[in-house]
Amino acid sequence: MKKTMMLAGLVVVVAGCDNKPAIPPMPEVNDINCQIEAIKKIEDRATREKFAGLCSRRSPASGGIAPTEKPMNWLELADPKDQKGAKS
């Protein structure tokens, strides 16, 4: 009987232990929370990366990054004709 009670007590104590802390919920995506300082405060790397991605995909009307008006290819930017010292 005494061993059974000791074993039951040990099971209760061990069952109450949790090695991983609870991951806090992701903050709301808005102008205040999408500042670099606020994003850096998110400790969980996966949550921080997902949140930063959501912030970068916001529409320009809600404070997101506007799409590039004239997107260029890297090859267009590094045209040998435009570089200094290029042979004609």
N, C-alpha and C. Protein backbone atom coordinates (compact mmCIF):
# COMPACT_ATOMS: atom_id res chain seq x y z
N MET A 1 0.83 -1.19 0.00
CA MET A 1 0.00 0.00 0.00
C MET A 1 0.87 1.25 0.00
N LYS A 2 1.94 1.21 0.83
CA LYS A 2 2.80 2.37 0.93
C LYS A 2 3.54 2.60 -0.40
N LYS A 3 3.96 1.50 -1.04
CA LYS A 3 4.65 1.63 -2.32
C LYS A 3 3.70 2.17 -3.39
N THR A 4 2.45 1.75 -3.34
CA THR A 4 1.47 2.21 -4.32
C THR A 4 1.24 3.71 -4.18
N MET A 5 1.15 4.21 -2.95
CA MET A 5 0.96 5.64 -2.70
C MET A 5 2.19 6.43 -3.15
N MET A 6 3.38 5.89 -2.88
CA MET A 6 4.61 6.57 -3.29
C MET A 6 4.69 6.63 -4.82
N LEU A 7 4.34 5.53 -5.46
CA LEU A 7 4.36 5.48 -6.91
C LEU A 7 3.33 6.45 -7.50
N ALA A 8 2.15 6.49 -6.92
CA ALA A 8 1.11 7.41 -7.39
C ALA A 8 1.56 8.86 -7.20
N GLY A 9 2.19 9.16 -6.08
CA GLY A 9 2.71 10.51 -5.83
C GLY A 9 3.79 10.89 -6.83
N LEU A 10 4.67 9.96 -7.13
CA LEU A 10 5.73 10.21 -8.10
C LEU A 10 5.15 10.46 -9.50
N VAL A 11 4.14 9.70 -9.87
CA VAL A 11 3.49 9.88 -11.18
C VAL A 11 2.84 11.25 -11.26
N VAL A 12 2.20 11.70 -10.20
CA VAL A 12 1.55 13.01 -10.18
C VAL A 12 2.59 14.13 -10.31
N VAL A 13 3.70 14.00 -9.61
CA VAL A 13 4.75 15.02 -9.66
C VAL A 13 5.38 15.09 -11.05
N VAL A 14 5.70 13.93 -11.62
CA VAL A 14 6.34 13.90 -12.93
C VAL A 14 5.37 14.33 -14.03
N ALA A 15 4.11 13.96 -13.91
CA ALA A 15 3.12 14.32 -14.93
C ALA A 15 2.90 15.83 -14.99
N GLY A 16 3.13 16.52 -13.90
CA GLY A 16 2.93 17.96 -13.87
C GLY A 16 4.07 18.73 -14.51
N CYS A 17 5.17 18.08 -14.82
CA CYS A 17 6.32 18.77 -15.42
C CYS A 17 6.14 18.86 -16.93
N ASP A 18 6.44 20.02 -17.45
CA ASP A 18 6.39 20.23 -18.89
C ASP A 18 7.68 20.90 -19.30
N ASN A 19 8.45 20.27 -20.16
CA ASN A 19 9.75 20.80 -20.55
C ASN A 19 9.65 22.01 -21.46
N LYS A 20 8.66 22.06 -22.33
CA LYS A 20 8.55 23.15 -23.29
C LYS A 20 7.60 24.23 -22.77
N PRO A 21 8.04 25.48 -22.77
CA PRO A 21 7.12 26.55 -22.39
C PRO A 21 6.11 26.78 -23.52
N ALA A 22 4.98 27.28 -23.17
CA ALA A 22 3.94 27.55 -24.16
C ALA A 22 4.41 28.66 -25.09
N ILE A 23 4.18 28.48 -26.39
CA ILE A 23 4.54 29.50 -27.37
C ILE A 23 3.46 30.57 -27.35
N PRO A 24 3.86 31.84 -27.14
CA PRO A 24 2.86 32.89 -27.11
C PRO A 24 2.22 33.06 -28.49
N PRO A 25 0.98 33.50 -28.54
CA PRO A 25 0.31 33.64 -29.83
C PRO A 25 0.96 34.74 -30.68
N MET A 26 0.79 34.64 -31.98
CA MET A 26 1.35 35.63 -32.89
C MET A 26 0.57 36.94 -32.73
N PRO A 27 1.28 38.07 -32.67
CA PRO A 27 0.58 39.34 -32.54
C PRO A 27 -0.21 39.68 -33.80
N GLU A 28 -1.12 40.62 -33.67
CA GLU A 28 -1.92 41.07 -34.80
C GLU A 28 -1.03 41.82 -35.79
N VAL A 29 -1.27 41.62 -37.08
CA VAL A 29 -0.50 42.30 -38.12
C VAL A 29 -1.08 43.69 -38.31
N ASN A 30 -0.36 44.70 -37.83
CA ASN A 30 -0.77 46.10 -38.00
C ASN A 30 0.46 46.99 -38.04
N ASP A 31 0.26 48.30 -38.22
CA ASP A 31 1.39 49.24 -38.36
C ASP A 31 2.31 49.22 -37.15
N ILE A 32 1.75 49.15 -35.96
CA ILE A 32 2.56 49.21 -34.74
C ILE A 32 3.36 47.92 -34.56
N ASN A 33 2.71 46.77 -34.73
CA ASN A 33 3.39 45.49 -34.52
C ASN A 33 4.36 45.14 -35.64
N CYS A 34 4.23 45.75 -36.80
CA CYS A 34 5.11 45.43 -37.93
C CYS A 34 6.37 46.29 -37.96
N GLN A 35 6.64 47.03 -36.91
CA GLN A 35 7.90 47.78 -36.81
C GLN A 35 9.02 46.79 -36.48
N ILE A 36 10.23 47.08 -36.95
CA ILE A 36 11.37 46.18 -36.74
C ILE A 36 11.58 45.88 -35.26
N GLU A 37 11.46 46.89 -34.40
CA GLU A 37 11.68 46.70 -32.96
C GLU A 37 10.68 45.70 -32.39
N ALA A 38 9.42 45.79 -32.84
CA ALA A 38 8.39 44.87 -32.34
C ALA A 38 8.63 43.46 -32.84
N ILE A 39 9.06 43.34 -34.08
CA ILE A 39 9.31 42.01 -34.65
C ILE A 39 10.48 41.34 -33.94
N LYS A 40 11.51 42.11 -33.59
CA LYS A 40 12.68 41.55 -32.89
C LYS A 40 12.33 41.03 -31.50
N LYS A 41 11.25 41.51 -30.91
CA LYS A 41 10.85 41.08 -29.57
C LYS A 41 10.21 39.69 -29.56
N ILE A 42 9.81 39.19 -30.72
CA ILE A 42 9.21 37.86 -30.81
C ILE A 42 10.34 36.84 -30.66
N GLU A 43 10.31 36.05 -29.60
CA GLU A 43 11.41 35.15 -29.27
C GLU A 43 11.44 33.88 -30.11
N ASP A 44 10.27 33.31 -30.41
CA ASP A 44 10.22 32.07 -31.18
C ASP A 44 10.55 32.37 -32.64
N ARG A 45 11.60 31.72 -33.15
CA ARG A 45 12.09 32.03 -34.49
C ARG A 45 11.05 31.77 -35.57
N ALA A 46 10.37 30.63 -35.51
CA ALA A 46 9.38 30.29 -36.53
C ALA A 46 8.23 31.30 -36.53
N THR A 47 7.77 31.68 -35.35
CA THR A 47 6.70 32.67 -35.24
C THR A 47 7.17 34.01 -35.78
N ARG A 48 8.41 34.40 -35.43
CA ARG A 48 8.95 35.68 -35.89
C ARG A 48 9.05 35.72 -37.41
N GLU A 49 9.54 34.63 -38.03
CA GLU A 49 9.68 34.59 -39.48
C GLU A 49 8.32 34.64 -40.17
N LYS A 50 7.37 33.89 -39.65
CA LYS A 50 6.03 33.88 -40.24
C LYS A 50 5.38 35.26 -40.11
N PHE A 51 5.53 35.88 -38.94
CA PHE A 51 4.95 37.20 -38.71
C PHE A 51 5.58 38.25 -39.62
N ALA A 52 6.90 38.22 -39.77
CA ALA A 52 7.59 39.17 -40.65
C ALA A 52 7.13 39.00 -42.09
N GLY A 53 6.91 37.77 -42.50
CA GLY A 53 6.39 37.51 -43.85
C GLY A 53 5.01 38.08 -44.04
N LEU A 54 4.15 37.92 -43.04
CA LEU A 54 2.81 38.49 -43.12
C LEU A 54 2.85 40.01 -43.16
N CYS A 55 3.76 40.60 -42.40
CA CYS A 55 3.90 42.06 -42.41
C CYS A 55 4.34 42.55 -43.78
N SER A 56 5.26 41.83 -44.41
CA SER A 56 5.77 42.28 -45.71
C SER A 56 4.75 42.10 -46.82
N ARG A 57 3.75 41.26 -46.60
CA ARG A 57 2.75 41.00 -47.64
C ARG A 57 1.48 41.83 -47.47
N ARG A 58 1.49 42.77 -46.54
CA ARG A 58 0.31 43.62 -46.38
C ARG A 58 0.13 44.49 -47.61
N SER A 59 -1.10 44.91 -47.85
CA SER A 59 -1.35 45.79 -49.00
C SER A 59 -0.77 47.17 -48.72
N PRO A 60 -0.37 47.91 -49.76
CA PRO A 60 0.19 49.25 -49.56
C PRO A 60 -0.78 50.19 -48.84
N ALA A 61 -2.08 49.99 -49.04
CA ALA A 61 -3.07 50.84 -48.38
C ALA A 61 -3.04 50.66 -46.86
N SER A 62 -2.67 49.48 -46.40
CA SER A 62 -2.64 49.24 -44.95
C SER A 62 -1.22 49.33 -44.39
N GLY A 63 -0.31 49.98 -45.11
CA GLY A 63 1.03 50.20 -44.58
C GLY A 63 2.07 49.22 -45.07
N GLY A 64 1.70 48.34 -46.00
CA GLY A 64 2.66 47.38 -46.52
C GLY A 64 3.58 47.99 -47.56
N ILE A 65 4.45 47.18 -48.11
CA ILE A 65 5.41 47.63 -49.11
C ILE A 65 4.73 47.65 -50.47
N ALA A 66 4.83 48.77 -51.17
CA ALA A 66 4.23 48.89 -52.50
C ALA A 66 5.06 48.09 -53.50
N PRO A 67 4.40 47.50 -54.50
CA PRO A 67 5.16 46.76 -55.50
C PRO A 67 6.03 47.70 -56.33
N THR A 68 7.10 47.18 -56.86
CA THR A 68 8.02 47.97 -57.67
C THR A 68 7.31 48.40 -58.95
N GLU A 69 7.44 49.68 -59.30
CA GLU A 69 6.76 50.19 -60.49
C GLU A 69 7.40 49.66 -61.77
N LYS A 70 8.71 49.60 -61.82
CA LYS A 70 9.41 49.11 -63.01
C LYS A 70 10.42 48.05 -62.57
N PRO A 71 9.97 46.81 -62.34
CA PRO A 71 10.91 45.78 -61.89
C PRO A 71 11.94 45.48 -62.97
N MET A 72 13.17 45.21 -62.56
CA MET A 72 14.24 44.92 -63.51
C MET A 72 14.89 43.58 -63.17
N ASN A 73 15.40 42.95 -64.18
CA ASN A 73 16.12 41.70 -64.05
C ASN A 73 17.56 42.03 -63.66
N TRP A 74 18.22 41.15 -62.91
CA TRP A 74 19.61 41.38 -62.53
C TRP A 74 20.50 41.53 -63.75
N LEU A 75 20.19 40.81 -64.81
CA LEU A 75 21.00 40.91 -66.03
C LEU A 75 20.85 42.29 -66.66
N GLU A 76 19.67 42.89 -66.54
CA GLU A 76 19.48 44.25 -67.05
C GLU A 76 20.27 45.25 -66.22
N LEU A 77 20.37 45.00 -64.93
CA LEU A 77 21.10 45.91 -64.06
C LEU A 77 22.61 45.80 -64.28
N ALA A 78 23.08 44.63 -64.67
CA ALA A 78 24.52 44.40 -64.84
C ALA A 78 24.88 44.31 -66.33
N ASP A 79 24.29 45.16 -67.14
CA ASP A 79 24.58 45.16 -68.58
C ASP A 79 26.02 45.59 -68.80
N PRO A 80 26.84 44.79 -69.47
CA PRO A 80 28.25 45.14 -69.65
C PRO A 80 28.45 46.45 -70.42
N LYS A 81 27.49 46.84 -71.25
CA LYS A 81 27.63 48.09 -72.01
C LYS A 81 27.58 49.31 -71.10
N ASP A 82 26.87 49.19 -69.99
CA ASP A 82 26.71 50.32 -69.07
C ASP A 82 27.82 50.41 -68.03
N GLN A 83 28.65 49.39 -67.90
CA GLN A 83 29.68 49.39 -66.87
C GLN A 83 30.86 50.26 -67.28
N LYS A 84 31.54 50.82 -66.29
CA LYS A 84 32.73 51.64 -66.54
C LYS A 84 33.83 50.77 -67.13
N GLY A 85 34.55 51.34 -68.07
CA GLY A 85 35.69 50.63 -68.64
C GLY A 85 35.31 49.54 -69.62
N ALA A 86 34.03 49.52 -70.03
CA ALA A 86 33.61 48.49 -70.98
C ALA A 86 34.16 48.81 -72.36
N LYS A 87 34.56 47.79 -73.07
CA LYS A 87 35.08 47.98 -74.43
C LYS A 87 33.92 48.16 -75.39
N SER A 88 34.04 49.12 -76.29
CA SER A 88 32.97 49.39 -77.25
C SER A 88 33.16 48.60 -78.51
